[in-house]
Amino acid sequence: MSVVHIYTAPSQPATEFIDRTHGDTFTFRLAPQATLYTDCCRVPRQARYVRVQVYADYFYRWCAPGHGCKKGKR
């Protein structure tokens, strides 16, 4: 029998999010009007309507609840 650990990162607003994955803390700030492509529907959205999940190898970008696609989180 093997043990499986599923790691999830908290969702943060794309306009200001923190990366703590490599020991140091990095704060990223984007203008609310900045354009980001989301991973859920691959549509360009303004940063104010995007949520981010930060992992060691990638930043996942999702439509904020009530703004954009209806797919939700994977």
N, C-alpha and C. Protein backbone atom coordinates (compact mmCIF):
# COMPACT_ATOMS: atom_id res chain seq x y z
N MET A 1 0.84 -1.17 0.00
CA MET A 1 0.00 0.00 0.00
C MET A 1 0.89 1.24 0.00
N SER A 2 0.52 2.22 -0.83
CA SER A 2 1.28 3.47 -0.88
C SER A 2 0.43 4.62 -0.36
N VAL A 3 1.10 5.66 0.07
CA VAL A 3 0.42 6.84 0.61
C VAL A 3 0.46 7.94 -0.44
N VAL A 4 -0.67 8.55 -0.67
CA VAL A 4 -0.77 9.64 -1.63
C VAL A 4 -1.12 10.92 -0.88
N HIS A 5 -0.33 11.96 -1.13
CA HIS A 5 -0.59 13.25 -0.52
C HIS A 5 -0.99 14.22 -1.62
N ILE A 6 -2.14 14.84 -1.50
CA ILE A 6 -2.59 15.82 -2.48
C ILE A 6 -2.43 17.20 -1.87
N TYR A 7 -1.61 18.01 -2.51
CA TYR A 7 -1.31 19.35 -2.03
C TYR A 7 -2.17 20.36 -2.79
N THR A 8 -2.82 21.24 -2.10
CA THR A 8 -3.55 22.34 -2.74
C THR A 8 -3.06 23.66 -2.16
N ALA A 9 -3.02 24.65 -3.00
CA ALA A 9 -2.59 25.98 -2.58
C ALA A 9 -3.82 26.87 -2.44
N PRO A 10 -3.80 27.81 -1.50
CA PRO A 10 -4.95 28.72 -1.37
C PRO A 10 -5.07 29.64 -2.58
N SER A 11 -6.27 30.01 -2.88
CA SER A 11 -6.54 30.94 -3.97
C SER A 11 -6.29 32.36 -3.48
N GLN A 12 -5.63 33.16 -4.32
CA GLN A 12 -5.31 34.54 -3.98
C GLN A 12 -5.73 35.45 -5.12
N PRO A 13 -6.02 36.72 -4.86
CA PRO A 13 -6.35 37.64 -5.95
C PRO A 13 -5.12 37.87 -6.83
N ALA A 14 -5.32 37.95 -8.14
CA ALA A 14 -4.21 38.13 -9.07
C ALA A 14 -3.59 39.52 -8.99
N THR A 15 -4.29 40.48 -8.42
CA THR A 15 -3.74 41.83 -8.32
C THR A 15 -2.63 41.93 -7.29
N GLU A 16 -2.63 41.04 -6.29
CA GLU A 16 -1.55 40.99 -5.30
C GLU A 16 -1.53 39.59 -4.67
N PHE A 17 -0.48 38.83 -4.99
CA PHE A 17 -0.39 37.48 -4.44
C PHE A 17 1.03 37.20 -3.96
N ILE A 18 1.15 36.23 -3.07
CA ILE A 18 2.42 35.91 -2.41
C ILE A 18 2.87 34.52 -2.82
N ASP A 19 4.17 34.41 -3.15
CA ASP A 19 4.79 33.13 -3.47
C ASP A 19 5.74 32.77 -2.32
N ARG A 20 5.43 31.69 -1.61
CA ARG A 20 6.27 31.22 -0.50
C ARG A 20 6.85 29.83 -0.79
N THR A 21 6.87 29.41 -2.04
CA THR A 21 7.21 28.03 -2.37
C THR A 21 8.69 27.70 -2.27
N HIS A 22 9.58 28.67 -2.36
CA HIS A 22 11.01 28.38 -2.37
C HIS A 22 11.74 28.92 -1.14
N GLY A 23 11.05 29.05 -0.03
CA GLY A 23 11.69 29.52 1.20
C GLY A 23 11.53 31.01 1.40
N ASP A 24 11.91 31.81 0.41
CA ASP A 24 11.75 33.26 0.51
C ASP A 24 10.32 33.63 0.16
N THR A 25 9.90 34.80 0.60
CA THR A 25 8.56 35.29 0.29
C THR A 25 8.66 36.37 -0.78
N PHE A 26 7.95 36.17 -1.88
CA PHE A 26 7.90 37.14 -2.96
C PHE A 26 6.46 37.62 -3.11
N THR A 27 6.28 38.92 -3.16
CA THR A 27 4.96 39.49 -3.36
C THR A 27 4.88 40.03 -4.78
N PHE A 28 3.86 39.62 -5.51
CA PHE A 28 3.64 40.06 -6.88
C PHE A 28 2.44 40.99 -6.89
N ARG A 29 2.58 42.12 -7.57
CA ARG A 29 1.48 43.08 -7.70
C ARG A 29 1.25 43.37 -9.18
N LEU A 30 0.01 43.30 -9.58
CA LEU A 30 -0.38 43.62 -10.95
C LEU A 30 -1.45 44.70 -10.93
N ALA A 31 -1.44 45.53 -11.94
CA ALA A 31 -2.50 46.53 -12.07
C ALA A 31 -3.82 45.81 -12.31
N PRO A 32 -4.91 46.30 -11.74
CA PRO A 32 -6.21 45.64 -11.94
C PRO A 32 -6.60 45.51 -13.41
N GLN A 33 -6.09 46.40 -14.28
CA GLN A 33 -6.42 46.35 -15.69
C GLN A 33 -5.49 45.44 -16.49
N ALA A 34 -4.44 44.89 -15.86
CA ALA A 34 -3.51 44.01 -16.57
C ALA A 34 -4.25 42.80 -17.11
N THR A 35 -3.85 42.35 -18.29
CA THR A 35 -4.53 41.22 -18.93
C THR A 35 -3.79 39.93 -18.64
N LEU A 36 -4.55 38.92 -18.20
CA LEU A 36 -4.00 37.59 -17.94
C LEU A 36 -4.88 36.57 -18.67
N TYR A 37 -4.24 35.55 -19.23
CA TYR A 37 -5.00 34.44 -19.80
C TYR A 37 -5.24 33.43 -18.68
N THR A 38 -6.47 32.97 -18.55
CA THR A 38 -6.81 32.00 -17.51
C THR A 38 -6.55 30.59 -18.01
N ASP A 39 -6.24 29.68 -17.08
CA ASP A 39 -6.00 28.28 -17.43
C ASP A 39 -7.31 27.51 -17.59
N CYS A 40 -8.38 27.99 -16.99
CA CYS A 40 -9.65 27.25 -17.03
C CYS A 40 -10.35 27.38 -18.38
N CYS A 41 -10.39 28.58 -18.95
CA CYS A 41 -11.10 28.77 -20.22
C CYS A 41 -10.22 29.39 -21.30
N ARG A 42 -8.98 29.73 -20.97
CA ARG A 42 -8.00 30.30 -21.90
C ARG A 42 -8.50 31.58 -22.59
N VAL A 43 -9.16 32.41 -21.80
CA VAL A 43 -9.68 33.69 -22.28
C VAL A 43 -8.94 34.81 -21.56
N PRO A 44 -8.55 35.88 -22.26
CA PRO A 44 -7.89 36.99 -21.57
C PRO A 44 -8.88 37.73 -20.67
N ARG A 45 -8.48 37.95 -19.43
CA ARG A 45 -9.32 38.65 -18.45
C ARG A 45 -8.48 39.71 -17.73
N GLN A 46 -9.14 40.72 -17.21
CA GLN A 46 -8.44 41.70 -16.40
C GLN A 46 -8.06 41.05 -15.08
N ALA A 47 -6.92 41.45 -14.52
CA ALA A 47 -6.40 40.83 -13.29
C ALA A 47 -7.39 40.93 -12.14
N ARG A 48 -8.21 41.95 -12.10
CA ARG A 48 -9.19 42.09 -11.00
C ARG A 48 -10.22 40.97 -11.01
N TYR A 49 -10.38 40.26 -12.15
CA TYR A 49 -11.35 39.17 -12.27
C TYR A 49 -10.70 37.79 -12.29
N VAL A 50 -9.45 37.72 -11.82
CA VAL A 50 -8.70 36.46 -11.86
C VAL A 50 -8.21 36.10 -10.46
N ARG A 51 -8.24 34.82 -10.13
CA ARG A 51 -7.67 34.27 -8.88
C ARG A 51 -6.45 33.44 -9.26
N VAL A 52 -5.47 33.37 -8.37
CA VAL A 52 -4.21 32.67 -8.64
C VAL A 52 -3.97 31.63 -7.56
N GLN A 53 -3.44 30.47 -7.98
CA GLN A 53 -2.94 29.46 -7.05
C GLN A 53 -1.46 29.29 -7.37
N VAL A 54 -0.59 29.46 -6.37
CA VAL A 54 0.85 29.42 -6.57
C VAL A 54 1.41 28.08 -6.11
N TYR A 55 2.05 27.39 -7.05
CA TYR A 55 2.74 26.14 -6.75
C TYR A 55 4.21 26.31 -7.09
N ALA A 56 5.05 25.38 -6.71
CA ALA A 56 6.49 25.48 -6.94
C ALA A 56 6.84 25.57 -8.42
N ASP A 57 6.05 24.93 -9.28
CA ASP A 57 6.39 24.88 -10.69
C ASP A 57 5.49 25.72 -11.60
N TYR A 58 4.41 26.30 -11.07
CA TYR A 58 3.48 27.01 -11.95
C TYR A 58 2.53 27.89 -11.14
N PHE A 59 2.05 28.96 -11.76
CA PHE A 59 0.98 29.79 -11.18
C PHE A 59 -0.28 29.48 -11.97
N TYR A 60 -1.26 28.88 -11.35
CA TYR A 60 -2.53 28.60 -12.02
C TYR A 60 -3.43 29.81 -11.90
N ARG A 61 -4.03 30.19 -13.01
CA ARG A 61 -4.90 31.36 -13.05
C ARG A 61 -6.33 30.90 -13.37
N TRP A 62 -7.28 31.34 -12.54
CA TRP A 62 -8.68 30.94 -12.68
C TRP A 62 -9.55 32.17 -12.74
N CYS A 63 -10.71 32.05 -13.40
CA CYS A 63 -11.70 33.13 -13.37
C CYS A 63 -12.21 33.25 -11.94
N ALA A 64 -12.34 34.48 -11.46
CA ALA A 64 -12.88 34.71 -10.12
C ALA A 64 -14.35 34.30 -10.10
N PRO A 65 -14.85 33.84 -8.97
CA PRO A 65 -16.27 33.46 -8.89
C PRO A 65 -17.17 34.61 -9.32
N GLY A 66 -18.10 34.31 -10.21
CA GLY A 66 -19.02 35.33 -10.71
C GLY A 66 -18.49 36.13 -11.88
N HIS A 67 -17.23 35.89 -12.29
CA HIS A 67 -16.61 36.63 -13.40
C HIS A 67 -15.97 35.64 -14.34
N GLY A 68 -16.55 35.45 -15.49
CA GLY A 68 -15.94 34.59 -16.48
C GLY A 68 -16.61 33.25 -16.61
N CYS A 69 -15.81 32.22 -16.81
CA CYS A 69 -16.35 30.89 -17.13
C CYS A 69 -17.06 30.26 -15.92
N LYS A 70 -17.77 29.21 -16.20
CA LYS A 70 -18.50 28.50 -15.16
C LYS A 70 -17.84 27.18 -14.81
N LYS A 71 -16.63 26.94 -15.32
CA LYS A 71 -15.97 25.66 -15.11
C LYS A 71 -15.49 25.46 -13.68
N GLY A 72 -15.08 26.53 -13.01
CA GLY A 72 -14.57 26.41 -11.64
C GLY A 72 -13.18 25.81 -11.62
N LYS A 73 -12.77 25.36 -10.44
CA LYS A 73 -11.44 24.79 -10.27
C LYS A 73 -11.40 23.34 -10.71
N ARG A 74 -10.24 22.95 -11.21
CA ARG A 74 -10.05 21.56 -11.62
C ARG A 74 -9.76 20.71 -10.42
